[in-house]
Amino acid sequence: LEHGELCLHFQPQFAIDDRRLIGAEALLRWQHPELGMVSPNEFIPIAEESGLILPIGEWALRLAVRQMRAWQDAGLSLQSMAVNLSAVQFRQSNLTQVVSRILDEEGMPAQFLELELTESVAMDNPLAAIETMDKLRTRGVRMSIDDFGTGYSSMSYLKRFRVHKLKIDRSFVADLAADPDDEAIVTATISLAHALGLQTVAEGVESEAQLTFLRGKGCDEAQGYLFSKPLPAAQFEAFARASSLLL
């Protein structure tokens, strides 16, 4: 962080019905001068254990918000910027104040920010999670549950989580159109989400067959290599402008 080796890449998110670009997920990357690109799976757990995820997470959130505001000012019609929250960040007592300060200082309306929380983190202390989600929702920030289906959500808690979206984990999407069990899980997740008034986002979409299945079941949004890998900011903007010309 001090050496300027961290950066964000942005993965496009699309509305499934008309394949329209509607948002981006900000993903942390570490370009080490000797080791090259270090996987987040390697350094994020260490950052969490050491507590360094707090300054890193705040930096990433600010940069994502700043980039979203810049894209809006440049005329891109994006509806949301999704940013992942780690377990350590989510347990911060002043999380809502940190998020509010960044939004105010960067001049971005809260409804364009979507904070992603994994199912396992939300269920670690569900009553505390509900309280924090309520505070963020009151501020105008949207919340989503990431990797849904991989944890152990209680239905009684799920209906109390003040979230906007459920993200279907890529492990269930990978074998769609080939594995009846995964098809059943994805179908049930979409039905459950819609019954609760929530939108659904499928992660890891890599084929037209997967997209066709998701569209048929009413999934709202998708992201994955079928559309684009995560891109540096400048490449994302070029991709977004090219996508708008294709509509």
C-alpha atoms as a PDB file:
ATOM      1  CA  LEU A   1       0.000   0.000   0.000  1.00  0.00           C
ATOM      2  CA  GLU A   2       2.810   2.411   0.922  1.00  0.00           C
ATOM      3  CA  HIS A   3       4.737   1.576  -2.265  1.00  0.00           C
ATOM      4  CA  GLY A   4       1.752   2.049  -4.543  1.00  0.00           C
ATOM      5  CA  GLU A   5       1.759  -1.589  -5.637  1.00  0.00           C
ATOM      6  CA  LEU A   6      -1.967  -2.186  -5.051  1.00  0.00           C
ATOM      7  CA  CYS A   7      -4.577  -1.399  -7.676  1.00  0.00           C
ATOM      8  CA  LEU A   8      -8.185  -2.161  -8.543  1.00  0.00           C
ATOM      9  CA  HIS A   9      -9.492  -4.026 -11.540  1.00  0.00           C
ATOM     10  CA  PHE A  10     -13.167  -3.836 -12.443  1.00  0.00           C
ATOM     11  CA  GLN A  11     -15.337  -6.698 -13.708  1.00  0.00           C
ATOM     12  CA  PRO A  12     -18.349  -5.621 -15.789  1.00  0.00           C
ATOM     13  CA  GLN A  13     -21.796  -6.675 -14.620  1.00  0.00           C
ATOM     14  CA  PHE A  14     -24.647  -7.075 -17.093  1.00  0.00           C
ATOM     15  CA  ALA A  15     -28.433  -7.190 -17.027  1.00  0.00           C
ATOM     16  CA  ILE A  16     -29.257 -10.626 -18.437  1.00  0.00           C
ATOM     17  CA  ASP A  17     -32.446  -9.733 -20.298  1.00  0.00           C
ATOM     18  CA  ASP A  18     -30.827  -7.281 -22.734  1.00  0.00           C
ATOM     19  CA  ARG A  19     -27.090  -7.840 -22.075  1.00  0.00           C
ATOM     20  CA  ARG A  20     -26.755  -4.212 -21.031  1.00  0.00           C
ATOM     21  CA  LEU A  21     -23.742  -3.121 -18.959  1.00  0.00           C
ATOM     22  CA  ILE A  22     -25.096  -1.842 -15.655  1.00  0.00           C
ATOM     23  CA  GLY A  23     -22.287  -1.968 -13.108  1.00  0.00           C
ATOM     24  CA  ALA A  24     -18.849  -3.058 -12.006  1.00  0.00           C
ATOM     25  CA  GLU A  25     -17.289  -5.068  -9.205  1.00  0.00           C
ATOM     26  CA  ALA A  26     -14.031  -3.653  -7.853  1.00  0.00           C
ATOM     27  CA  LEU A  27     -11.393  -6.336  -7.271  1.00  0.00           C
ATOM     28  CA  LEU A  28      -8.120  -5.809  -5.432  1.00  0.00           C
ATOM     29  CA  ARG A  29      -4.838  -6.653  -7.176  1.00  0.00           C
ATOM     30  CA  TRP A  30      -1.204  -6.591  -6.008  1.00  0.00           C
ATOM     31  CA  GLN A  31       1.479  -6.035  -8.641  1.00  0.00           C
ATOM     32  CA  HIS A  32       4.705  -6.934  -6.832  1.00  0.00           C
ATOM     33  CA  PRO A  33       7.944  -5.645  -8.449  1.00  0.00           C
ATOM     34  CA  GLU A  34       9.652  -9.039  -8.065  1.00  0.00           C
ATOM     35  CA  LEU A  35       6.880 -11.607  -7.651  1.00  0.00           C
ATOM     36  CA  GLY A  36       4.604 -10.173 -10.321  1.00  0.00           C
ATOM     37  CA  MET A  37       0.837 -10.349  -9.822  1.00  0.00           C
ATOM     38  CA  VAL A  38       0.106 -11.827  -6.381  1.00  0.00           C
ATOM     39  CA  SER A  39      -3.255 -13.573  -6.041  1.00  0.00           C
ATOM     40  CA  PRO A  40      -5.743 -12.014  -3.589  1.00  0.00           C
ATOM     41  CA  ASN A  41      -6.260 -15.541  -2.242  1.00  0.00           C
ATOM     42  CA  GLU A  42      -2.678 -15.375  -1.009  1.00  0.00           C
ATOM     43  CA  PHE A  43      -2.436 -11.895   0.476  1.00  0.00           C
ATOM     44  CA  ILE A  44      -5.974 -11.081   1.658  1.00  0.00           C
ATOM     45  CA  PRO A  45      -5.996 -13.715   4.460  1.00  0.00           C
ATOM     46  CA  ILE A  46      -2.638 -12.400   5.708  1.00  0.00           C
ATOM     47  CA  ALA A  47      -3.913  -8.828   5.554  1.00  0.00           C
ATOM     48  CA  GLU A  48      -6.947  -9.878   7.600  1.00  0.00           C
ATOM     49  CA  GLU A  49      -4.876 -11.706  10.226  1.00  0.00           C
ATOM     50  CA  SER A  50      -2.516  -8.736  10.652  1.00  0.00           C
ATOM     51  CA  GLY A  51      -5.264  -6.100  10.704  1.00  0.00           C
ATOM     52  CA  LEU A  52      -3.793  -4.425   7.617  1.00  0.00           C
ATOM     53  CA  ILE A  53      -7.018  -5.167   5.762  1.00  0.00           C
ATOM     54  CA  LEU A  54      -8.516  -2.091   7.468  1.00  0.00           C
ATOM     55  CA  PRO A  55      -6.289   0.538   5.795  1.00  0.00           C
ATOM     56  CA  ILE A  56      -6.188  -1.515   2.584  1.00  0.00           C
ATOM     57  CA  GLY A  57      -9.973  -1.913   2.577  1.00  0.00           C
ATOM     58  CA  GLU A  58     -10.583   1.765   3.216  1.00  0.00           C
ATOM     59  CA  TRP A  59      -8.154   2.686   0.438  1.00  0.00           C
ATOM     60  CA  ALA A  60      -9.880   0.285  -1.975  1.00  0.00           C
ATOM     61  CA  LEU A  61     -13.337   1.589  -1.068  1.00  0.00           C
ATOM     62  CA  ARG A  62     -12.280   5.206  -1.587  1.00  0.00           C
ATOM     63  CA  LEU A  63     -10.619   4.438  -4.924  1.00  0.00           C
ATOM     64  CA  ALA A  64     -13.684   2.511  -6.154  1.00  0.00           C
ATOM     65  CA  VAL A  65     -16.035   5.337  -5.157  1.00  0.00           C
ATOM     66  CA  ARG A  66     -13.736   7.922  -6.734  1.00  0.00           C
ATOM     67  CA  GLN A  67     -13.561   5.906  -9.958  1.00  0.00           C
ATOM     68  CA  MET A  68     -17.340   5.482 -10.074  1.00  0.00           C
ATOM     69  CA  ARG A  69     -17.834   9.215  -9.656  1.00  0.00           C
ATOM     70  CA  ALA A  70     -15.287   9.891 -12.419  1.00  0.00           C
ATOM     71  CA  TRP A  71     -17.085   7.502 -14.770  1.00  0.00           C
ATOM     72  CA  GLN A  72     -20.418   9.129 -13.985  1.00  0.00           C
ATOM     73  CA  ASP A  73     -18.945  12.560 -14.694  1.00  0.00           C
ATOM     74  CA  ALA A  74     -17.566  11.155 -17.971  1.00  0.00           C
ATOM     75  CA  GLY A  75     -21.047  10.089 -19.053  1.00  0.00           C
ATOM     76  CA  LEU A  76     -21.028   6.346 -18.350  1.00  0.00           C
ATOM     77  CA  SER A  77     -24.488   5.214 -17.248  1.00  0.00           C
ATOM     78  CA  LEU A  78     -23.438   2.732 -14.570  1.00  0.00           C
ATOM     79  CA  GLN A  79     -25.924   1.924 -11.829  1.00  0.00           C
ATOM     80  CA  SER A  80     -23.642   0.401  -9.210  1.00  0.00           C
ATOM     81  CA  MET A  81     -20.093  -0.061  -7.997  1.00  0.00           C
ATOM     82  CA  ALA A  82     -19.755  -3.255  -5.940  1.00  0.00           C
ATOM     83  CA  VAL A  83     -17.008  -3.452  -3.319  1.00  0.00           C
ATOM     84  CA  ASN A  84     -16.233  -6.489  -1.171  1.00  0.00           C
ATOM     85  CA  LEU A  85     -16.093  -6.151   2.606  1.00  0.00           C
ATOM     86  CA  SER A  86     -13.854  -8.475   4.599  1.00  0.00           C
ATOM     87  CA  ALA A  87     -14.917  -9.960   7.909  1.00  0.00           C
ATOM     88  CA  VAL A  88     -12.570  -7.611   9.778  1.00  0.00           C
ATOM     89  CA  GLN A  89     -13.969  -4.549   8.021  1.00  0.00           C
ATOM     90  CA  PHE A  90     -17.554  -5.588   8.652  1.00  0.00           C
ATOM     91  CA  ARG A  91     -16.889  -5.937  12.378  1.00  0.00           C
ATOM     92  CA  GLN A  92     -15.630  -2.334  12.617  1.00  0.00           C
ATOM     93  CA  SER A  93     -17.830  -0.421  15.017  1.00  0.00           C
ATOM     94  CA  ASN A  94     -17.446   2.730  12.917  1.00  0.00           C
ATOM     95  CA  LEU A  95     -17.979   1.100   9.485  1.00  0.00           C
ATOM     96  CA  THR A  96     -21.026   3.220   8.651  1.00  0.00           C
ATOM     97  CA  GLN A  97     -19.144   6.414   9.551  1.00  0.00           C
ATOM     98  CA  VAL A  98     -16.158   5.379   7.404  1.00  0.00           C
ATOM     99  CA  VAL A  99     -18.392   4.630   4.417  1.00  0.00           C
ATOM    100  CA  SER A 100     -20.362   7.861   4.877  1.00  0.00           C
ATOM    101  CA  ARG A 101     -17.202   9.956   5.101  1.00  0.00           C
ATOM    102  CA  ILE A 102     -15.814   8.496   1.878  1.00  0.00           C
ATOM    103  CA  LEU A 103     -19.091   9.020   0.025  1.00  0.00           C
ATOM    104  CA  ASP A 104     -19.322  12.612   1.229  1.00  0.00           C
ATOM    105  CA  GLU A 105     -15.690  13.466   0.489  1.00  0.00           C
ATOM    106  CA  GLU A 106     -15.804  11.917  -2.978  1.00  0.00           C
ATOM    107  CA  GLY A 107     -19.219  13.399  -3.771  1.00  0.00           C
ATOM    108  CA  MET A 108     -20.998  10.192  -4.804  1.00  0.00           C
ATOM    109  CA  PRO A 109     -24.644   9.465  -3.948  1.00  0.00           C
ATOM    110  CA  ALA A 110     -24.916   6.452  -1.646  1.00  0.00           C
ATOM    111  CA  GLN A 111     -27.342   4.491  -3.851  1.00  0.00           C
ATOM    112  CA  PHE A 112     -24.603   3.834  -6.411  1.00  0.00           C
ATOM    113  CA  LEU A 113     -22.453   1.950  -3.874  1.00  0.00           C
ATOM    114  CA  GLU A 114     -23.077  -1.749  -3.276  1.00  0.00           C
ATOM    115  CA  LEU A 115     -21.180  -3.453  -0.464  1.00  0.00           C
ATOM    116  CA  GLU A 116     -20.732  -7.213  -0.788  1.00  0.00           C
ATOM    117  CA  LEU A 117     -20.610  -9.466   2.246  1.00  0.00           C
ATOM    118  CA  THR A 118     -20.051 -13.211   2.078  1.00  0.00           C
ATOM    119  CA  GLU A 119     -22.724 -15.442   3.510  1.00  0.00           C
ATOM    120  CA  SER A 120     -20.324 -16.930   6.070  1.00  0.00           C
ATOM    121  CA  VAL A 121     -19.353 -13.480   7.409  1.00  0.00           C
ATOM    122  CA  ALA A 122     -22.990 -12.424   7.706  1.00  0.00           C
ATOM    123  CA  MET A 123     -23.845 -15.593   9.622  1.00  0.00           C
ATOM    124  CA  ASP A 124     -20.826 -15.349  11.946  1.00  0.00           C
ATOM    125  CA  ASN A 125     -22.806 -12.982  14.165  1.00  0.00           C
ATOM    126  CA  PRO A 126     -26.170 -12.516  12.462  1.00  0.00           C
ATOM    127  CA  LEU A 127     -27.682 -10.130  15.016  1.00  0.00           C
ATOM    128  CA  ALA A 128     -24.692  -7.794  14.750  1.00  0.00           C
ATOM    129  CA  ALA A 129     -24.813  -8.158  10.956  1.00  0.00           C
ATOM    130  CA  ILE A 130     -28.468  -7.126  10.900  1.00  0.00           C
ATOM    131  CA  GLU A 131     -27.689  -4.021  12.975  1.00  0.00           C
ATOM    132  CA  THR A 132     -24.818  -2.978  10.692  1.00  0.00           C
ATOM    133  CA  MET A 133     -26.828  -3.664   7.527  1.00  0.00           C
ATOM    134  CA  ASP A 134     -29.697  -1.570   8.862  1.00  0.00           C
ATOM    135  CA  LYS A 135     -27.343   1.364   9.497  1.00  0.00           C
ATOM    136  CA  LEU A 136     -25.853   1.154   5.997  1.00  0.00           C
ATOM    137  CA  ARG A 137     -29.284   0.824   4.409  1.00  0.00           C
ATOM    138  CA  THR A 138     -30.471   3.896   6.324  1.00  0.00           C
ATOM    139  CA  ARG A 139     -27.480   5.765   4.897  1.00  0.00           C
ATOM    140  CA  GLY A 140     -28.664   4.725   1.417  1.00  0.00           C
ATOM    141  CA  VAL A 141     -25.979   2.133   0.662  1.00  0.00           C
ATOM    142  CA  ARG A 142     -27.060  -1.131  -0.944  1.00  0.00           C
ATOM    143  CA  MET A 143     -25.897  -4.505   0.366  1.00  0.00           C
ATOM    144  CA  SER A 144     -25.538  -7.893  -1.292  1.00  0.00           C
ATOM    145  CA  ILE A 145     -24.778 -11.386  -0.004  1.00  0.00           C
ATOM    146  CA  ASP A 146     -21.843 -12.841  -1.940  1.00  0.00           C
ATOM    147  CA  ASP A 147     -21.139 -16.555  -2.544  1.00  0.00           C
ATOM    148  CA  PHE A 148     -24.728 -17.399  -1.638  1.00  0.00           C
ATOM    149  CA  GLY A 149     -25.336 -21.103  -1.153  1.00  0.00           C
ATOM    150  CA  THR A 150     -21.839 -21.919   0.106  1.00  0.00           C
ATOM    151  CA  GLY A 151     -22.558 -21.051   3.733  1.00  0.00           C
ATOM    152  CA  TYR A 152     -25.285 -21.963   6.177  1.00  0.00           C
ATOM    153  CA  SER A 153     -27.841 -19.179   6.115  1.00  0.00           C
ATOM    154  CA  SER A 154     -30.836 -19.555   8.344  1.00  0.00           C
ATOM    155  CA  MET A 155     -33.972 -18.600   6.436  1.00  0.00           C
ATOM    156  CA  SER A 156     -35.208 -16.720   9.500  1.00  0.00           C
ATOM    157  CA  TYR A 157     -32.115 -14.506   9.419  1.00  0.00           C
ATOM    158  CA  LEU A 158     -32.021 -14.164   5.647  1.00  0.00           C
ATOM    159  CA  LYS A 159     -35.384 -12.429   5.611  1.00  0.00           C
ATOM    160  CA  ARG A 160     -34.076  -9.963   8.232  1.00  0.00           C
ATOM    161  CA  PHE A 161     -30.868  -9.142   6.353  1.00  0.00           C
ATOM    162  CA  ARG A 162     -31.572  -5.810   4.696  1.00  0.00           C
ATOM    163  CA  VAL A 163     -29.896  -6.690   1.424  1.00  0.00           C
ATOM    164  CA  HIS A 164     -30.650  -5.833  -2.185  1.00  0.00           C
ATOM    165  CA  LYS A 165     -29.110  -8.811  -4.001  1.00  0.00           C
ATOM    166  CA  LEU A 166     -28.027 -12.417  -3.641  1.00  0.00           C
ATOM    167  CA  LYS A 167     -24.949 -13.406  -5.656  1.00  0.00           C
ATOM    168  CA  ILE A 168     -25.049 -17.020  -6.840  1.00  0.00           C
ATOM    169  CA  ASP A 169     -21.632 -18.578  -6.302  1.00  0.00           C
ATOM    170  CA  ARG A 170     -19.628 -19.567  -9.372  1.00  0.00           C
ATOM    171  CA  SER A 171     -19.340 -23.148  -8.099  1.00  0.00           C
ATOM    172  CA  PHE A 172     -23.044 -23.643  -8.840  1.00  0.00           C
ATOM    173  CA  VAL A 173     -22.915 -21.827 -12.182  1.00  0.00           C
ATOM    174  CA  ALA A 174     -19.958 -23.815 -13.574  1.00  0.00           C
ATOM    175  CA  ASP A 175     -21.928 -27.005 -14.323  1.00  0.00           C
ATOM    176  CA  LEU A 176     -25.257 -25.514 -15.301  1.00  0.00           C
ATOM    177  CA  ALA A 177     -26.861 -27.358 -18.230  1.00  0.00           C
ATOM    178  CA  ALA A 178     -24.870 -30.451 -17.178  1.00  0.00           C
ATOM    179  CA  ASP A 179     -25.512 -31.071 -13.458  1.00  0.00           C
ATOM    180  CA  PRO A 180     -29.182 -31.434 -12.373  1.00  0.00           C
ATOM    181  CA  ASP A 181     -28.284 -30.754  -8.729  1.00  0.00           C
ATOM    182  CA  ASP A 182     -26.642 -27.414  -9.541  1.00  0.00           C
ATOM    183  CA  GLU A 183     -29.559 -26.526 -11.784  1.00  0.00           C
ATOM    184  CA  ALA A 184     -31.958 -27.242  -8.916  1.00  0.00           C
ATOM    185  CA  ILE A 185     -29.929 -25.161  -6.449  1.00  0.00           C
ATOM    186  CA  VAL A 186     -29.685 -22.166  -8.809  1.00  0.00           C
ATOM    187  CA  THR A 187     -33.390 -22.380  -9.686  1.00  0.00           C
ATOM    188  CA  ALA A 188     -34.350 -22.500  -6.003  1.00  0.00           C
ATOM    189  CA  THR A 189     -32.026 -19.597  -5.131  1.00  0.00           C
ATOM    190  CA  ILE A 190     -33.520 -17.375  -7.829  1.00  0.00           C
ATOM    191  CA  SER A 191     -37.071 -18.266  -6.739  1.00  0.00           C
ATOM    192  CA  LEU A 192     -36.232 -17.625  -3.078  1.00  0.00           C
ATOM    193  CA  ALA A 193     -34.610 -14.281  -3.842  1.00  0.00           C
ATOM    194  CA  HIS A 194     -37.507 -13.065  -5.939  1.00  0.00           C
ATOM    195  CA  ALA A 195     -40.008 -14.209  -3.303  1.00  0.00           C
ATOM    196  CA  LEU A 196     -38.110 -12.031  -0.800  1.00  0.00           C
ATOM    197  CA  GLY A 197     -38.028  -9.095  -3.220  1.00  0.00           C
ATOM    198  CA  LEU A 198     -34.302  -9.476  -3.922  1.00  0.00           C
ATOM    199  CA  GLN A 199     -32.387  -9.434  -7.187  1.00  0.00           C
ATOM    200  CA  THR A 200     -29.976 -12.196  -8.204  1.00  0.00           C
ATOM    201  CA  VAL A 201     -26.510 -11.993  -9.752  1.00  0.00           C
ATOM    202  CA  ALA A 202     -24.761 -15.040 -11.209  1.00  0.00           C
ATOM    203  CA  GLU A 203     -20.968 -15.124 -10.886  1.00  0.00           C
ATOM    204  CA  GLY A 204     -18.532 -16.961 -13.134  1.00  0.00           C
ATOM    205  CA  VAL A 205     -20.722 -17.084 -16.247  1.00  0.00           C
ATOM    206  CA  GLU A 206     -18.511 -18.427 -19.032  1.00  0.00           C
ATOM    207  CA  SER A 207     -20.832 -19.871 -21.686  1.00  0.00           C
ATOM    208  CA  GLU A 208     -23.941 -19.025 -23.667  1.00  0.00           C
ATOM    209  CA  ALA A 209     -25.539 -22.246 -22.368  1.00  0.00           C
ATOM    210  CA  GLN A 210     -25.150 -21.042 -18.775  1.00  0.00           C
ATOM    211  CA  LEU A 211     -26.548 -17.634 -19.677  1.00  0.00           C
ATOM    212  CA  THR A 212     -29.523 -19.169 -21.491  1.00  0.00           C
ATOM    213  CA  PHE A 213     -30.357 -21.297 -18.452  1.00  0.00           C
ATOM    214  CA  LEU A 214     -30.075 -18.300 -16.097  1.00  0.00           C
ATOM    215  CA  ARG A 215     -32.226 -16.140 -18.361  1.00  0.00           C
ATOM    216  CA  GLY A 216     -34.873 -18.860 -18.504  1.00  0.00           C
ATOM    217  CA  LYS A 217     -35.012 -19.012 -14.711  1.00  0.00           C
ATOM    218  CA  GLY A 218     -35.319 -15.234 -14.338  1.00  0.00           C
ATOM    219  CA  CYS A 219     -31.856 -14.390 -12.994  1.00  0.00           C
ATOM    220  CA  ASP A 220     -31.416 -10.626 -13.125  1.00  0.00           C
ATOM    221  CA  GLU A 221     -27.697 -10.018 -13.652  1.00  0.00           C
ATOM    222  CA  ALA A 222     -24.488 -11.841 -14.542  1.00  0.00           C
ATOM    223  CA  GLN A 223     -20.758 -11.391 -14.602  1.00  0.00           C
ATOM    224  CA  GLY A 224     -17.983 -13.630 -15.869  1.00  0.00           C
ATOM    225  CA  TYR A 225     -15.552 -14.331 -18.667  1.00  0.00           C
ATOM    226  CA  LEU A 226     -18.393 -14.721 -21.200  1.00  0.00           C
ATOM    227  CA  PHE A 227     -18.619 -10.939 -20.993  1.00  0.00           C
ATOM    228  CA  SER A 228     -15.198  -9.847 -19.752  1.00  0.00           C
ATOM    229  CA  LYS A 229     -12.431 -10.589 -17.307  1.00  0.00           C
ATOM    230  CA  PRO A 230     -11.707  -7.908 -14.645  1.00  0.00           C
ATOM    231  CA  LEU A 231     -10.109  -4.895 -16.337  1.00  0.00           C
ATOM    232  CA  PRO A 232      -7.918  -1.952 -15.278  1.00  0.00           C
ATOM    233  CA  ALA A 233      -9.881   1.300 -15.086  1.00  0.00           C
ATOM    234  CA  ALA A 234      -8.886   2.674 -18.492  1.00  0.00           C
ATOM    235  CA  GLN A 235      -9.655  -0.616 -20.245  1.00  0.00           C
ATOM    236  CA  PHE A 236     -12.979  -0.880 -18.419  1.00  0.00           C
ATOM    237  CA  GLU A 237     -14.001   2.571 -19.641  1.00  0.00           C
ATOM    238  CA  ALA A 238     -13.089   1.667 -23.234  1.00  0.00           C
ATOM    239  CA  PHE A 239     -15.030  -1.603 -22.881  1.00  0.00           C
ATOM    240  CA  ALA A 240     -18.046   0.248 -21.465  1.00  0.00           C
ATOM    241  CA  ARG A 241     -18.088   2.757 -24.310  1.00  0.00           C
ATOM    242  CA  ALA A 242     -17.787  -0.025 -26.902  1.00  0.00           C
ATOM    243  CA  SER A 243     -20.613  -1.948 -25.205  1.00  0.00           C
ATOM    244  CA  SER A 244     -22.917   1.070 -25.338  1.00  0.00           C
ATOM    245  CA  LEU A 245     -22.329   1.370 -29.081  1.00  0.00           C
ATOM    246  CA  LEU A 246     -23.447  -2.235 -29.599  1.00  0.00           C
ATOM    247  CA  LEU A 247     -26.894  -1.672 -28.038  1.00  0.00           C
END
